[in-house]
Structures are given as C-alpha cells and as structure tokens.
Amino acid sequence: MSLLTIVKSNPRLKKFVHWLIVQSGRSAPRLWVKWFVNPFLHKRGKSSVVRFYSRMDVFPFNNFELGAYSVIEDFVAINNGVGDVIIGHHTGVGLSNIIIGPVTLGNYVTMAQHVVLSGLNHGFEDVTISTRLQKVVTKQITVCDDVWIGANSVITAGVTIGKHSVIGAGSVVTKDIPEYCVAVGNPAKVIKKYNFKTSTWDRV
C-alpha cells in the first residue's frame, strides 16, 4: 500500500496532512510547500515566465504545468486545489486573469485582461446549508490551440473551446464552442465560422 493510499484512507491523517500543506482559512499553500516542494514537482518549460506579482496558489496534490515560452502576467491568480492546471507552450495568460482548475490551455493561446476560467462550482442544492459549506463540483475546461479570448470574458465549468476560435470581449461562455469560430455575447453564441473553401470568415 502506497503512502498516498494510506493518507487517503485515514480521515484524521488526511486532515492533518492537509493542514500541513494548506494555510488555515486560506486556499493557499504554506511557504515551505511553495519553496521546497512545488519547484520539484511542477513542470516549468524553457524560458517560461511567471511575473512577480502573480498569485500562484498551486499545491503538490494536483498537477501544474507551464509550457516553454509561456507567460503568466502580473496580478494573475492560479489555483489547482481542486483540479490540474495545464498550460501549453507559447501561451499568454493576461493581466488579472483567474484560472481555477481543472483547466487545460493549449499552445499559442492568447488571453487578454481580466479573463476568468473556473472549473469549480459550489453546490447549492441543500437549502438548509450555506452554499459555502456544500461540496464543490468540478468540470474540466479545455481551451484548444491558437484560441484568442477577449478581455473580461468568463469561461464556465465544463466548456471546451475548439482550435483557432475567438471569444469576443465581455463574453460569458457556457457551452462548447467549435473550432474555427467567432463567438460573442452572454451567453456566447457563434456569429462567424471559417470557410476553408473560400478562405473567409462567414457569418452564421
């Protein structure tokens, strides 16, 4: 039986280990985890950059990867506490973005300012308990290669955005967006699709 299995099978031990890793009252790792554990567990690609004023709340019990030549700008908050966060190569995470896993970003993804991607939702079904105390639900967000997400957009849990699609500024994406499309609005709807026969972006 592995050490991880032993910890998971013992509720008291699991709670103690969680306390050792996570700051009390905060969804942030303790300093010893940031300094001495994460650098050896999480993958950072060649020439990748994490700006000084970003908030990297990444934990050793889920994956975090940052691809080669990718940039995480200042005032970004990234949290892998409830799901992996995987960022491909040559991807730009813009100023003041928020990424809460499980989220996968492909290669050459461009994200403008104040974009939110959250694969997490709080439960609300039991009206006798505060939503803050109910179990969280997670669904994978996948942003494929070459996608451009405009400023102030929100990508909700469970959504996949297809290759080389564009999300207009201020959009709220609640459903999957096919590849080679332009989507805008709240909720976001596809307004253009690339026509490979005519090499034009046609309205739909």
N, C-alpha and C. Protein backbone atom coordinates (compact mmCIF):
# COMPACT_ATOMS: atom_id res chain seq x y z
N MET A 1 0.85 -1.19 0.00
CA MET A 1 0.00 0.00 0.00
C MET A 1 0.89 1.25 0.00
N SER A 2 0.62 2.18 -0.92
CA SER A 2 1.45 3.38 -1.04
C SER A 2 1.13 4.37 0.08
N LEU A 3 2.06 5.31 0.30
CA LEU A 3 1.87 6.33 1.33
C LEU A 3 0.63 7.16 1.05
N LEU A 4 0.42 7.50 -0.23
CA LEU A 4 -0.75 8.30 -0.63
C LEU A 4 -2.05 7.57 -0.30
N THR A 5 -2.09 6.27 -0.56
CA THR A 5 -3.27 5.46 -0.27
C THR A 5 -3.54 5.42 1.23
N ILE A 6 -2.48 5.29 2.01
CA ILE A 6 -2.62 5.26 3.48
C ILE A 6 -3.21 6.57 3.98
N VAL A 7 -2.69 7.70 3.46
CA VAL A 7 -3.18 9.02 3.88
C VAL A 7 -4.65 9.18 3.50
N LYS A 8 -5.00 8.81 2.28
CA LYS A 8 -6.38 8.98 1.81
C LYS A 8 -7.37 8.10 2.55
N SER A 9 -6.91 6.96 3.02
CA SER A 9 -7.82 6.02 3.68
C SER A 9 -8.03 6.32 5.16
N ASN A 10 -7.25 7.24 5.71
CA ASN A 10 -7.36 7.60 7.13
C ASN A 10 -7.81 9.06 7.25
N PRO A 11 -9.09 9.32 7.56
CA PRO A 11 -9.61 10.69 7.59
C PRO A 11 -8.83 11.64 8.50
N ARG A 12 -8.41 11.15 9.69
CA ARG A 12 -7.67 12.01 10.62
C ARG A 12 -6.29 12.36 10.07
N LEU A 13 -5.62 11.36 9.52
CA LEU A 13 -4.30 11.59 8.93
C LEU A 13 -4.41 12.51 7.71
N LYS A 14 -5.44 12.30 6.91
CA LYS A 14 -5.66 13.14 5.72
C LYS A 14 -5.87 14.60 6.12
N LYS A 15 -6.64 14.82 7.18
CA LYS A 15 -6.90 16.17 7.67
C LYS A 15 -5.61 16.83 8.17
N PHE A 16 -4.78 16.05 8.85
CA PHE A 16 -3.51 16.57 9.37
C PHE A 16 -2.56 16.94 8.23
N VAL A 17 -2.45 16.08 7.24
CA VAL A 17 -1.57 16.35 6.09
C VAL A 17 -2.07 17.57 5.32
N HIS A 18 -3.38 17.69 5.19
CA HIS A 18 -3.96 18.86 4.53
C HIS A 18 -3.59 20.14 5.28
N TRP A 19 -3.65 20.09 6.61
CA TRP A 19 -3.28 21.24 7.44
C TRP A 19 -1.80 21.60 7.25
N LEU A 20 -0.96 20.59 7.10
CA LEU A 20 0.47 20.82 6.89
C LEU A 20 0.74 21.54 5.56
N ILE A 21 -0.08 21.26 4.56
CA ILE A 21 0.14 21.78 3.21
C ILE A 21 -0.56 23.11 2.96
N VAL A 22 -1.79 23.25 3.48
CA VAL A 22 -2.64 24.40 3.16
C VAL A 22 -2.72 25.35 4.35
N GLN A 23 -2.57 26.65 4.07
CA GLN A 23 -2.70 27.65 5.13
C GLN A 23 -4.11 27.63 5.70
N SER A 24 -4.23 27.69 7.02
CA SER A 24 -5.53 27.67 7.68
C SER A 24 -6.37 28.88 7.27
N GLY A 25 -7.61 28.62 6.86
CA GLY A 25 -8.52 29.69 6.47
C GLY A 25 -8.25 30.28 5.10
N ARG A 26 -7.29 29.72 4.35
CA ARG A 26 -6.96 30.23 3.03
C ARG A 26 -6.77 29.08 2.05
N SER A 27 -7.08 29.32 0.80
CA SER A 27 -6.82 28.29 -0.22
C SER A 27 -5.47 28.56 -0.86
N ALA A 28 -4.44 28.61 -0.03
CA ALA A 28 -3.09 28.88 -0.48
C ALA A 28 -2.12 27.93 0.20
N PRO A 29 -1.06 27.51 -0.50
CA PRO A 29 -0.09 26.60 0.12
C PRO A 29 0.79 27.32 1.13
N ARG A 30 1.29 26.57 2.11
CA ARG A 30 2.23 27.14 3.07
C ARG A 30 3.55 27.43 2.36
N LEU A 31 4.34 28.35 2.96
CA LEU A 31 5.58 28.79 2.32
C LEU A 31 6.55 27.64 2.07
N TRP A 32 6.63 26.69 3.00
CA TRP A 32 7.56 25.58 2.82
C TRP A 32 7.19 24.75 1.61
N VAL A 33 5.89 24.67 1.31
CA VAL A 33 5.44 23.94 0.11
C VAL A 33 5.84 24.71 -1.14
N LYS A 34 5.62 26.04 -1.13
CA LYS A 34 6.00 26.87 -2.29
C LYS A 34 7.49 26.80 -2.59
N TRP A 35 8.29 26.84 -1.53
CA TRP A 35 9.74 26.95 -1.70
C TRP A 35 10.45 25.61 -1.92
N PHE A 36 9.99 24.57 -1.21
CA PHE A 36 10.76 23.34 -1.17
C PHE A 36 10.09 22.12 -1.80
N VAL A 37 8.79 22.23 -2.15
CA VAL A 37 8.09 21.07 -2.74
C VAL A 37 7.69 21.34 -4.18
N ASN A 38 6.93 22.41 -4.40
CA ASN A 38 6.41 22.68 -5.74
C ASN A 38 7.47 22.77 -6.83
N PRO A 39 8.60 23.44 -6.59
CA PRO A 39 9.60 23.55 -7.66
C PRO A 39 10.11 22.20 -8.17
N PHE A 40 10.01 21.16 -7.34
CA PHE A 40 10.50 19.85 -7.74
C PHE A 40 9.39 18.96 -8.33
N LEU A 41 8.14 19.36 -8.14
CA LEU A 41 7.01 18.55 -8.62
C LEU A 41 6.39 19.10 -9.90
N HIS A 42 6.27 20.42 -9.98
CA HIS A 42 5.56 21.02 -11.11
C HIS A 42 6.51 21.35 -12.25
N LYS A 43 6.03 21.17 -13.47
CA LYS A 43 6.88 21.32 -14.65
C LYS A 43 6.83 22.75 -15.19
N ARG A 44 8.00 23.33 -15.39
CA ARG A 44 8.14 24.66 -15.99
C ARG A 44 8.98 24.53 -17.25
N GLY A 45 8.43 24.94 -18.39
CA GLY A 45 9.13 24.83 -19.65
C GLY A 45 10.22 25.88 -19.82
N LYS A 46 11.06 25.67 -20.80
CA LYS A 46 12.17 26.57 -21.12
C LYS A 46 11.68 27.99 -21.37
N SER A 47 12.33 28.96 -20.75
CA SER A 47 12.06 30.40 -20.95
C SER A 47 10.62 30.80 -20.60
N SER A 48 9.94 29.97 -19.81
CA SER A 48 8.61 30.38 -19.32
C SER A 48 8.79 31.44 -18.24
N VAL A 49 7.77 32.30 -18.10
CA VAL A 49 7.87 33.43 -17.17
C VAL A 49 6.63 33.49 -16.28
N VAL A 50 6.86 33.62 -14.97
CA VAL A 50 5.79 33.89 -14.02
C VAL A 50 6.12 35.23 -13.37
N ARG A 51 5.34 36.26 -13.65
CA ARG A 51 5.64 37.60 -13.14
C ARG A 51 5.56 37.64 -11.61
N PHE A 52 6.30 38.58 -11.04
CA PHE A 52 6.48 38.66 -9.59
C PHE A 52 5.16 38.86 -8.84
N TYR A 53 4.24 39.64 -9.40
CA TYR A 53 3.01 39.97 -8.68
C TYR A 53 1.85 39.01 -9.00
N SER A 54 2.14 37.89 -9.61
CA SER A 54 1.09 36.89 -9.80
C SER A 54 0.91 36.09 -8.51
N ARG A 55 -0.26 35.50 -8.35
CA ARG A 55 -0.56 34.69 -7.15
C ARG A 55 -0.69 33.23 -7.56
N MET A 56 0.31 32.44 -7.23
CA MET A 56 0.36 31.05 -7.63
C MET A 56 -0.03 30.14 -6.47
N ASP A 57 -1.32 29.91 -6.33
CA ASP A 57 -1.81 29.02 -5.28
C ASP A 57 -1.87 27.60 -5.85
N VAL A 58 -0.68 27.03 -6.05
CA VAL A 58 -0.61 25.68 -6.60
C VAL A 58 -0.10 24.72 -5.52
N PHE A 59 -0.70 23.54 -5.52
CA PHE A 59 -0.47 22.56 -4.46
C PHE A 59 0.17 21.30 -5.04
N PRO A 60 0.86 20.53 -4.21
CA PRO A 60 1.54 19.33 -4.71
C PRO A 60 0.60 18.16 -5.00
N PHE A 61 -0.64 18.21 -4.53
CA PHE A 61 -1.53 17.06 -4.72
C PHE A 61 -2.27 17.09 -6.05
N ASN A 62 -2.11 18.16 -6.86
CA ASN A 62 -2.62 18.19 -8.23
C ASN A 62 -1.53 18.74 -9.14
N ASN A 63 -1.67 18.50 -10.43
CA ASN A 63 -0.63 18.91 -11.37
C ASN A 63 -0.72 20.39 -11.72
N PHE A 64 0.46 20.98 -11.94
CA PHE A 64 0.56 22.29 -12.56
C PHE A 64 1.71 22.23 -13.56
N GLU A 65 1.43 22.65 -14.80
CA GLU A 65 2.47 22.66 -15.82
C GLU A 65 2.39 23.98 -16.59
N LEU A 66 3.55 24.54 -16.88
CA LEU A 66 3.65 25.77 -17.68
C LEU A 66 4.62 25.49 -18.81
N GLY A 67 4.12 25.59 -20.04
CA GLY A 67 4.91 25.23 -21.20
C GLY A 67 6.01 26.23 -21.54
N ALA A 68 6.88 25.83 -22.44
CA ALA A 68 8.00 26.65 -22.86
C ALA A 68 7.54 27.96 -23.48
N TYR A 69 8.21 29.04 -23.12
CA TYR A 69 7.97 30.38 -23.66
C TYR A 69 6.59 30.94 -23.31
N SER A 70 5.90 30.34 -22.39
CA SER A 70 4.61 30.87 -21.94
C SER A 70 4.82 31.90 -20.84
N VAL A 71 3.85 32.82 -20.72
CA VAL A 71 3.98 33.93 -19.77
C VAL A 71 2.73 34.03 -18.91
N ILE A 72 2.92 34.12 -17.60
CA ILE A 72 1.84 34.43 -16.66
C ILE A 72 2.09 35.85 -16.17
N GLU A 73 1.20 36.77 -16.53
CA GLU A 73 1.41 38.19 -16.24
C GLU A 73 1.11 38.53 -14.78
N ASP A 74 1.42 39.77 -14.39
CA ASP A 74 1.16 40.24 -13.04
C ASP A 74 -0.33 40.19 -12.70
N PHE A 75 -0.61 39.99 -11.41
CA PHE A 75 -1.96 40.01 -10.82
C PHE A 75 -2.84 38.85 -11.28
N VAL A 76 -2.23 37.86 -11.90
CA VAL A 76 -2.94 36.62 -12.23
C VAL A 76 -3.06 35.77 -10.97
N ALA A 77 -4.19 35.06 -10.81
CA ALA A 77 -4.35 34.10 -9.72
C ALA A 77 -4.61 32.73 -10.34
N ILE A 78 -3.77 31.77 -9.97
CA ILE A 78 -3.93 30.40 -10.47
C ILE A 78 -4.05 29.46 -9.28
N ASN A 79 -5.06 28.59 -9.31
CA ASN A 79 -5.31 27.67 -8.20
C ASN A 79 -5.61 26.28 -8.76
N ASN A 80 -4.79 25.30 -8.35
CA ASN A 80 -5.01 23.91 -8.78
C ASN A 80 -5.51 23.04 -7.63
N GLY A 81 -6.08 23.68 -6.62
CA GLY A 81 -6.51 22.95 -5.42
C GLY A 81 -7.54 21.88 -5.65
N VAL A 82 -8.42 22.08 -6.65
CA VAL A 82 -9.47 21.09 -6.91
C VAL A 82 -9.33 20.45 -8.30
N GLY A 83 -8.26 20.77 -9.01
CA GLY A 83 -8.06 20.18 -10.33
C GLY A 83 -6.80 20.68 -10.99
N ASP A 84 -6.24 19.85 -11.86
CA ASP A 84 -5.00 20.19 -12.54
C ASP A 84 -5.13 21.47 -13.36
N VAL A 85 -4.03 22.22 -13.44
CA VAL A 85 -3.93 23.36 -14.35
C VAL A 85 -2.74 23.10 -15.26
N ILE A 86 -3.03 22.92 -16.55
CA ILE A 86 -2.01 22.61 -17.55
C ILE A 86 -2.02 23.72 -18.59
N ILE A 87 -0.88 24.38 -18.79
CA ILE A 87 -0.75 25.47 -19.75
C ILE A 87 0.29 25.08 -20.78
N GLY A 88 -0.07 25.15 -22.06
CA GLY A 88 0.82 24.73 -23.14
C GLY A 88 1.94 25.72 -23.40
N HIS A 89 2.64 25.53 -24.52
CA HIS A 89 3.78 26.39 -24.82
C HIS A 89 3.34 27.62 -25.65
N HIS A 90 4.12 28.70 -25.52
CA HIS A 90 3.86 29.97 -26.21
C HIS A 90 2.46 30.51 -25.92
N THR A 91 2.00 30.32 -24.70
CA THR A 91 0.67 30.79 -24.30
C THR A 91 0.82 32.00 -23.37
N GLY A 92 -0.05 33.00 -23.56
CA GLY A 92 -0.02 34.19 -22.73
C GLY A 92 -1.23 34.30 -21.84
N VAL A 93 -1.00 34.29 -20.52
CA VAL A 93 -2.07 34.48 -19.54
C VAL A 93 -2.05 35.95 -19.13
N GLY A 94 -3.06 36.71 -19.55
CA GLY A 94 -3.04 38.16 -19.44
C GLY A 94 -3.19 38.71 -18.04
N LEU A 95 -2.96 40.01 -17.91
CA LEU A 95 -3.06 40.70 -16.63
C LEU A 95 -4.39 40.42 -15.94
N SER A 96 -4.32 40.10 -14.66
CA SER A 96 -5.50 39.94 -13.79
C SER A 96 -6.42 38.81 -14.22
N ASN A 97 -5.89 37.80 -14.90
CA ASN A 97 -6.68 36.61 -15.20
C ASN A 97 -6.82 35.74 -13.95
N ILE A 98 -7.88 34.95 -13.91
CA ILE A 98 -8.08 33.98 -12.82
C ILE A 98 -8.30 32.61 -13.46
N ILE A 99 -7.52 31.63 -13.01
CA ILE A 99 -7.66 30.27 -13.52
C ILE A 99 -7.78 29.32 -12.32
N ILE A 100 -8.92 28.66 -12.23
CA ILE A 100 -9.17 27.68 -11.16
C ILE A 100 -9.44 26.34 -11.83
N GLY A 101 -8.60 25.35 -11.53
CA GLY A 101 -8.69 24.06 -12.20
C GLY A 101 -9.96 23.29 -11.89
N PRO A 102 -10.22 22.25 -12.65
CA PRO A 102 -9.37 21.69 -13.69
C PRO A 102 -9.47 22.47 -15.02
N VAL A 103 -8.32 22.96 -15.48
CA VAL A 103 -8.25 23.76 -16.71
C VAL A 103 -7.03 23.32 -17.51
N THR A 104 -7.23 23.14 -18.82
CA THR A 104 -6.13 22.87 -19.74
C THR A 104 -6.15 23.91 -20.84
N LEU A 105 -5.03 24.63 -20.99
CA LEU A 105 -4.85 25.59 -22.08
C LEU A 105 -3.87 24.99 -23.08
N GLY A 106 -4.20 25.09 -24.36
CA GLY A 106 -3.33 24.54 -25.39
C GLY A 106 -2.13 25.41 -25.67
N ASN A 107 -1.56 25.25 -26.85
CA ASN A 107 -0.39 26.00 -27.27
C ASN A 107 -0.82 27.26 -28.04
N TYR A 108 -0.04 28.32 -27.90
CA TYR A 108 -0.30 29.59 -28.59
C TYR A 108 -1.69 30.16 -28.27
N VAL A 109 -2.15 29.94 -27.07
CA VAL A 109 -3.40 30.56 -26.60
C VAL A 109 -3.10 31.99 -26.16
N THR A 110 -3.98 32.92 -26.54
CA THR A 110 -3.84 34.32 -26.14
C THR A 110 -5.02 34.71 -25.28
N MET A 111 -4.74 35.16 -24.06
CA MET A 111 -5.79 35.61 -23.16
C MET A 111 -5.57 37.08 -22.83
N ALA A 112 -6.57 37.90 -23.06
CA ALA A 112 -6.48 39.32 -22.76
C ALA A 112 -6.64 39.54 -21.26
N GLN A 113 -7.01 40.76 -20.85
CA GLN A 113 -7.06 41.10 -19.43
C GLN A 113 -8.39 40.69 -18.77
N HIS A 114 -8.31 40.38 -17.47
CA HIS A 114 -9.50 40.13 -16.63
C HIS A 114 -10.36 38.98 -17.15
N VAL A 115 -9.72 37.93 -17.61
CA VAL A 115 -10.43 36.73 -18.06
C VAL A 115 -10.53 35.76 -16.89
N VAL A 116 -11.69 35.12 -16.74
CA VAL A 116 -11.90 34.14 -15.66
C VAL A 116 -12.23 32.78 -16.26
N LEU A 117 -11.45 31.77 -15.87
CA LEU A 117 -11.75 30.38 -16.21
C LEU A 117 -11.85 29.61 -14.90
N SER A 118 -13.02 29.09 -14.59
CA SER A 118 -13.20 28.36 -13.34
C SER A 118 -13.87 27.03 -13.60
N GLY A 119 -13.13 25.96 -13.32
CA GLY A 119 -13.70 24.62 -13.44
C GLY A 119 -14.44 24.19 -12.19
N LEU A 120 -14.62 25.12 -11.24
CA LEU A 120 -15.23 24.81 -9.95
C LEU A 120 -16.57 25.53 -9.78
N ASN A 121 -17.51 24.83 -9.21
CA ASN A 121 -18.78 25.43 -8.77
C ASN A 121 -19.10 24.94 -7.36
N HIS A 122 -19.73 25.81 -6.56
CA HIS A 122 -20.20 25.40 -5.24
C HIS A 122 -21.57 24.76 -5.36
N GLY A 123 -21.79 23.71 -4.57
CA GLY A 123 -23.11 23.11 -4.52
C GLY A 123 -24.12 24.06 -3.89
N PHE A 124 -25.38 23.95 -4.29
CA PHE A 124 -26.41 24.84 -3.75
C PHE A 124 -27.73 24.10 -3.50
N GLU A 125 -27.74 22.80 -3.79
CA GLU A 125 -28.99 22.03 -3.78
C GLU A 125 -29.66 21.98 -2.41
N ASP A 126 -28.87 21.87 -1.34
CA ASP A 126 -29.41 21.77 0.02
C ASP A 126 -29.61 23.17 0.60
N VAL A 127 -30.88 23.60 0.67
CA VAL A 127 -31.17 24.97 1.11
C VAL A 127 -31.05 25.15 2.62
N THR A 128 -30.80 24.05 3.35
CA THR A 128 -30.62 24.16 4.80
C THR A 128 -29.16 24.44 5.17
N ILE A 129 -28.28 24.40 4.18
CA ILE A 129 -26.85 24.62 4.41
C ILE A 129 -26.35 25.72 3.49
N SER A 130 -25.48 26.58 4.02
CA SER A 130 -24.88 27.62 3.20
C SER A 130 -24.15 27.02 2.00
N THR A 131 -24.23 27.69 0.85
CA THR A 131 -23.50 27.20 -0.33
C THR A 131 -22.00 27.12 -0.06
N ARG A 132 -21.53 27.97 0.83
CA ARG A 132 -20.09 27.97 1.17
C ARG A 132 -19.67 26.66 1.83
N LEU A 133 -20.61 25.98 2.51
CA LEU A 133 -20.29 24.76 3.24
C LEU A 133 -20.62 23.49 2.44
N GLN A 134 -21.26 23.65 1.28
CA GLN A 134 -21.63 22.47 0.50
C GLN A 134 -20.45 22.01 -0.38
N LYS A 135 -20.53 20.77 -0.78
CA LYS A 135 -19.47 20.16 -1.55
C LYS A 135 -19.31 20.85 -2.90
N VAL A 136 -18.05 21.05 -3.31
CA VAL A 136 -17.81 21.69 -4.61
C VAL A 136 -17.94 20.65 -5.72
N VAL A 137 -18.27 21.14 -6.91
CA VAL A 137 -18.40 20.29 -8.09
C VAL A 137 -17.41 20.83 -9.14
N THR A 138 -16.66 19.95 -9.77
CA THR A 138 -15.70 20.39 -10.77
C THR A 138 -15.99 19.76 -12.13
N LYS A 139 -15.75 20.53 -13.18
CA LYS A 139 -15.84 20.03 -14.56
C LYS A 139 -14.70 20.64 -15.36
N GLN A 140 -14.07 19.83 -16.16
CA GLN A 140 -12.89 20.22 -16.93
C GLN A 140 -13.20 21.32 -17.94
N ILE A 141 -12.35 22.36 -17.96
CA ILE A 141 -12.35 23.37 -19.02
C ILE A 141 -11.17 23.08 -19.93
N THR A 142 -11.41 23.05 -21.24
CA THR A 142 -10.34 22.82 -22.21
C THR A 142 -10.36 23.93 -23.26
N VAL A 143 -9.24 24.62 -23.38
CA VAL A 143 -9.07 25.65 -24.41
C VAL A 143 -8.01 25.12 -25.36
N CYS A 144 -8.40 24.86 -26.60
CA CYS A 144 -7.50 24.22 -27.56
C CYS A 144 -6.49 25.22 -28.15
N ASP A 145 -5.61 24.73 -28.99
CA ASP A 145 -4.53 25.54 -29.55
C ASP A 145 -5.04 26.76 -30.31
N ASP A 146 -4.26 27.83 -30.24
CA ASP A 146 -4.46 29.03 -31.08
C ASP A 146 -5.72 29.82 -30.76
N VAL A 147 -6.33 29.59 -29.63
CA VAL A 147 -7.56 30.32 -29.25
C VAL A 147 -7.18 31.71 -28.72
N TRP A 148 -8.02 32.68 -29.02
CA TRP A 148 -7.87 34.05 -28.51
C TRP A 148 -9.12 34.37 -27.68
N ILE A 149 -8.93 34.72 -26.42
CA ILE A 149 -10.03 35.06 -25.52
C ILE A 149 -9.95 36.55 -25.19
N GLY A 150 -11.00 37.30 -25.52
CA GLY A 150 -11.02 38.75 -25.31
C GLY A 150 -11.18 39.14 -23.85
N ALA A 151 -10.89 40.40 -23.57
CA ALA A 151 -10.89 40.94 -22.21
C ALA A 151 -12.25 40.78 -21.53
N ASN A 152 -12.22 40.55 -20.22
CA ASN A 152 -13.41 40.48 -19.36
C ASN A 152 -14.35 39.32 -19.71
N SER A 153 -13.82 38.29 -20.33
CA SER A 153 -14.64 37.12 -20.65
C SER A 153 -14.63 36.13 -19.49
N VAL A 154 -15.69 35.33 -19.43
CA VAL A 154 -15.81 34.28 -18.40
C VAL A 154 -16.06 32.95 -19.10
N ILE A 155 -15.23 31.96 -18.77
CA ILE A 155 -15.40 30.61 -19.32
C ILE A 155 -15.84 29.72 -18.16
N THR A 156 -17.03 29.14 -18.27
CA THR A 156 -17.60 28.39 -17.15
C THR A 156 -17.20 26.92 -17.18
N ALA A 157 -17.42 26.25 -16.06
CA ALA A 157 -17.01 24.86 -15.88
C ALA A 157 -17.61 23.96 -16.96
N GLY A 158 -16.79 23.03 -17.46
CA GLY A 158 -17.24 22.03 -18.41
C GLY A 158 -17.14 22.42 -19.87
N VAL A 159 -16.68 23.63 -20.15
CA VAL A 159 -16.67 24.15 -21.52
C VAL A 159 -15.38 23.75 -22.25
N THR A 160 -15.52 23.44 -23.55
CA THR A 160 -14.38 23.24 -24.44
C THR A 160 -14.46 24.26 -25.56
N ILE A 161 -13.35 24.96 -25.82
CA ILE A 161 -13.27 25.92 -26.92
C ILE A 161 -12.34 25.33 -27.96
N GLY A 162 -12.86 25.15 -29.17
CA GLY A 162 -12.12 24.48 -30.23
C GLY A 162 -10.97 25.30 -30.79
N LYS A 163 -10.13 24.64 -31.52
CA LYS A 163 -8.91 25.21 -32.09
C LYS A 163 -9.18 26.47 -32.92
N HIS A 164 -8.33 27.47 -32.75
CA HIS A 164 -8.30 28.72 -33.52
C HIS A 164 -9.64 29.47 -33.48
N SER A 165 -10.36 29.35 -32.39
CA SER A 165 -11.58 30.13 -32.23
C SER A 165 -11.28 31.42 -31.47
N VAL A 166 -12.19 32.39 -31.62
CA VAL A 166 -12.04 33.69 -30.98
C VAL A 166 -13.26 33.94 -30.11
N ILE A 167 -13.02 34.34 -28.85
CA ILE A 167 -14.09 34.70 -27.93
C ILE A 167 -14.06 36.22 -27.77
N GLY A 168 -15.14 36.89 -28.15
CA GLY A 168 -15.18 38.34 -28.10
C GLY A 168 -15.15 38.87 -26.68
N ALA A 169 -14.65 40.09 -26.52
CA ALA A 169 -14.53 40.71 -25.20
C ALA A 169 -15.87 40.75 -24.48
N GLY A 170 -15.84 40.46 -23.18
CA GLY A 170 -17.04 40.53 -22.36
C GLY A 170 -17.99 39.36 -22.50
N SER A 171 -17.57 38.32 -23.17
CA SER A 171 -18.46 37.17 -23.39
C SER A 171 -18.50 36.24 -22.19
N VAL A 172 -19.62 35.55 -22.02
CA VAL A 172 -19.76 34.51 -20.99
C VAL A 172 -20.02 33.20 -21.73
N VAL A 173 -19.05 32.31 -21.69
CA VAL A 173 -19.13 31.07 -22.47
C VAL A 173 -19.65 29.96 -21.57
N THR A 174 -20.85 29.49 -21.85
CA THR A 174 -21.50 28.47 -21.03
C THR A 174 -21.62 27.13 -21.74
N LYS A 175 -21.35 27.12 -23.06
CA LYS A 175 -21.43 25.89 -23.85
C LYS A 175 -20.20 25.78 -24.75
N ASP A 176 -19.94 24.57 -25.22
CA ASP A 176 -18.78 24.34 -26.08
C ASP A 176 -18.84 25.22 -27.33
N ILE A 177 -17.67 25.69 -27.76
CA ILE A 177 -17.53 26.47 -28.98
C ILE A 177 -16.72 25.63 -29.97
N PRO A 178 -17.24 25.39 -31.18
CA PRO A 178 -16.49 24.58 -32.15
C PRO A 178 -15.21 25.27 -32.60
N GLU A 179 -14.36 24.54 -33.28
CA GLU A 179 -13.12 25.11 -33.79
C GLU A 179 -13.39 26.07 -34.95
N TYR A 180 -12.47 27.01 -35.13
CA TYR A 180 -12.51 28.00 -36.22
C TYR A 180 -13.82 28.79 -36.23
N CYS A 181 -14.20 29.28 -35.05
CA CYS A 181 -15.41 30.08 -34.92
C CYS A 181 -15.13 31.36 -34.16
N VAL A 182 -16.00 32.36 -34.33
CA VAL A 182 -16.00 33.56 -33.52
C VAL A 182 -17.28 33.55 -32.70
N ALA A 183 -17.17 33.68 -31.39
CA ALA A 183 -18.34 33.67 -30.51
C ALA A 183 -18.33 34.91 -29.64
N VAL A 184 -19.51 35.51 -29.45
CA VAL A 184 -19.62 36.72 -28.63
C VAL A 184 -20.93 36.67 -27.85
N GLY A 185 -21.00 37.49 -26.76
CA GLY A 185 -22.25 37.70 -26.05
C GLY A 185 -22.37 36.95 -24.75
N ASN A 186 -23.53 37.13 -24.10
CA ASN A 186 -23.86 36.50 -22.83
C ASN A 186 -25.28 35.96 -22.91
N PRO A 187 -25.43 34.63 -23.04
CA PRO A 187 -24.38 33.63 -23.21
C PRO A 187 -23.77 33.72 -24.61
N ALA A 188 -22.51 33.32 -24.73
CA ALA A 188 -21.80 33.45 -26.01
C ALA A 188 -22.43 32.57 -27.08
N LYS A 189 -22.57 33.15 -28.28
CA LYS A 189 -23.08 32.42 -29.44
C LYS A 189 -22.14 32.61 -30.62
N VAL A 190 -22.06 31.59 -31.46
CA VAL A 190 -21.20 31.65 -32.63
C VAL A 190 -21.81 32.59 -33.66
N ILE A 191 -21.02 33.58 -34.12
CA ILE A 191 -21.50 34.53 -35.13
C ILE A 191 -20.75 34.39 -36.46
N LYS A 192 -19.55 33.76 -36.41
CA LYS A 192 -18.79 33.55 -37.64
C LYS A 192 -18.10 32.20 -37.59
N LYS A 193 -17.90 31.62 -38.77
CA LYS A 193 -17.17 30.35 -38.89
C LYS A 193 -16.27 30.43 -40.12
N TYR A 194 -15.06 29.91 -39.97
CA TYR A 194 -14.12 30.00 -41.09
C TYR A 194 -14.49 29.01 -42.18
N ASN A 195 -14.52 29.50 -43.43
CA ASN A 195 -14.84 28.68 -44.60
C ASN A 195 -13.53 28.34 -45.31
N PHE A 196 -13.13 27.10 -45.23
CA PHE A 196 -11.84 26.70 -45.81
C PHE A 196 -11.88 26.68 -47.34
N LYS A 197 -13.06 26.59 -47.93
CA LYS A 197 -13.16 26.60 -49.40
C LYS A 197 -12.93 27.99 -49.96
N THR A 198 -13.45 29.01 -49.26
CA THR A 198 -13.33 30.38 -49.76
C THR A 198 -12.27 31.19 -49.02
N SER A 199 -11.70 30.59 -47.95
CA SER A 199 -10.71 31.27 -47.10
C SER A 199 -11.25 32.58 -46.52
N THR A 200 -12.51 32.53 -46.08
CA THR A 200 -13.14 33.70 -45.48
C THR A 200 -13.85 33.31 -44.19
N TRP A 201 -14.07 34.32 -43.31
CA TRP A 201 -14.86 34.12 -42.10
C TRP A 201 -16.31 34.49 -42.44
N ASP A 202 -17.17 33.49 -42.51
CA ASP A 202 -18.56 33.70 -42.93
C ASP A 202 -19.48 33.83 -41.71
N ARG A 203 -20.44 34.73 -41.82
CA ARG A 203 -21.46 34.86 -40.76
C ARG A 203 -22.38 33.65 -40.77
N VAL A 204 -22.82 33.27 -39.56
CA VAL A 204 -23.72 32.12 -39.44
C VAL A 204 -25.02 32.53 -38.78
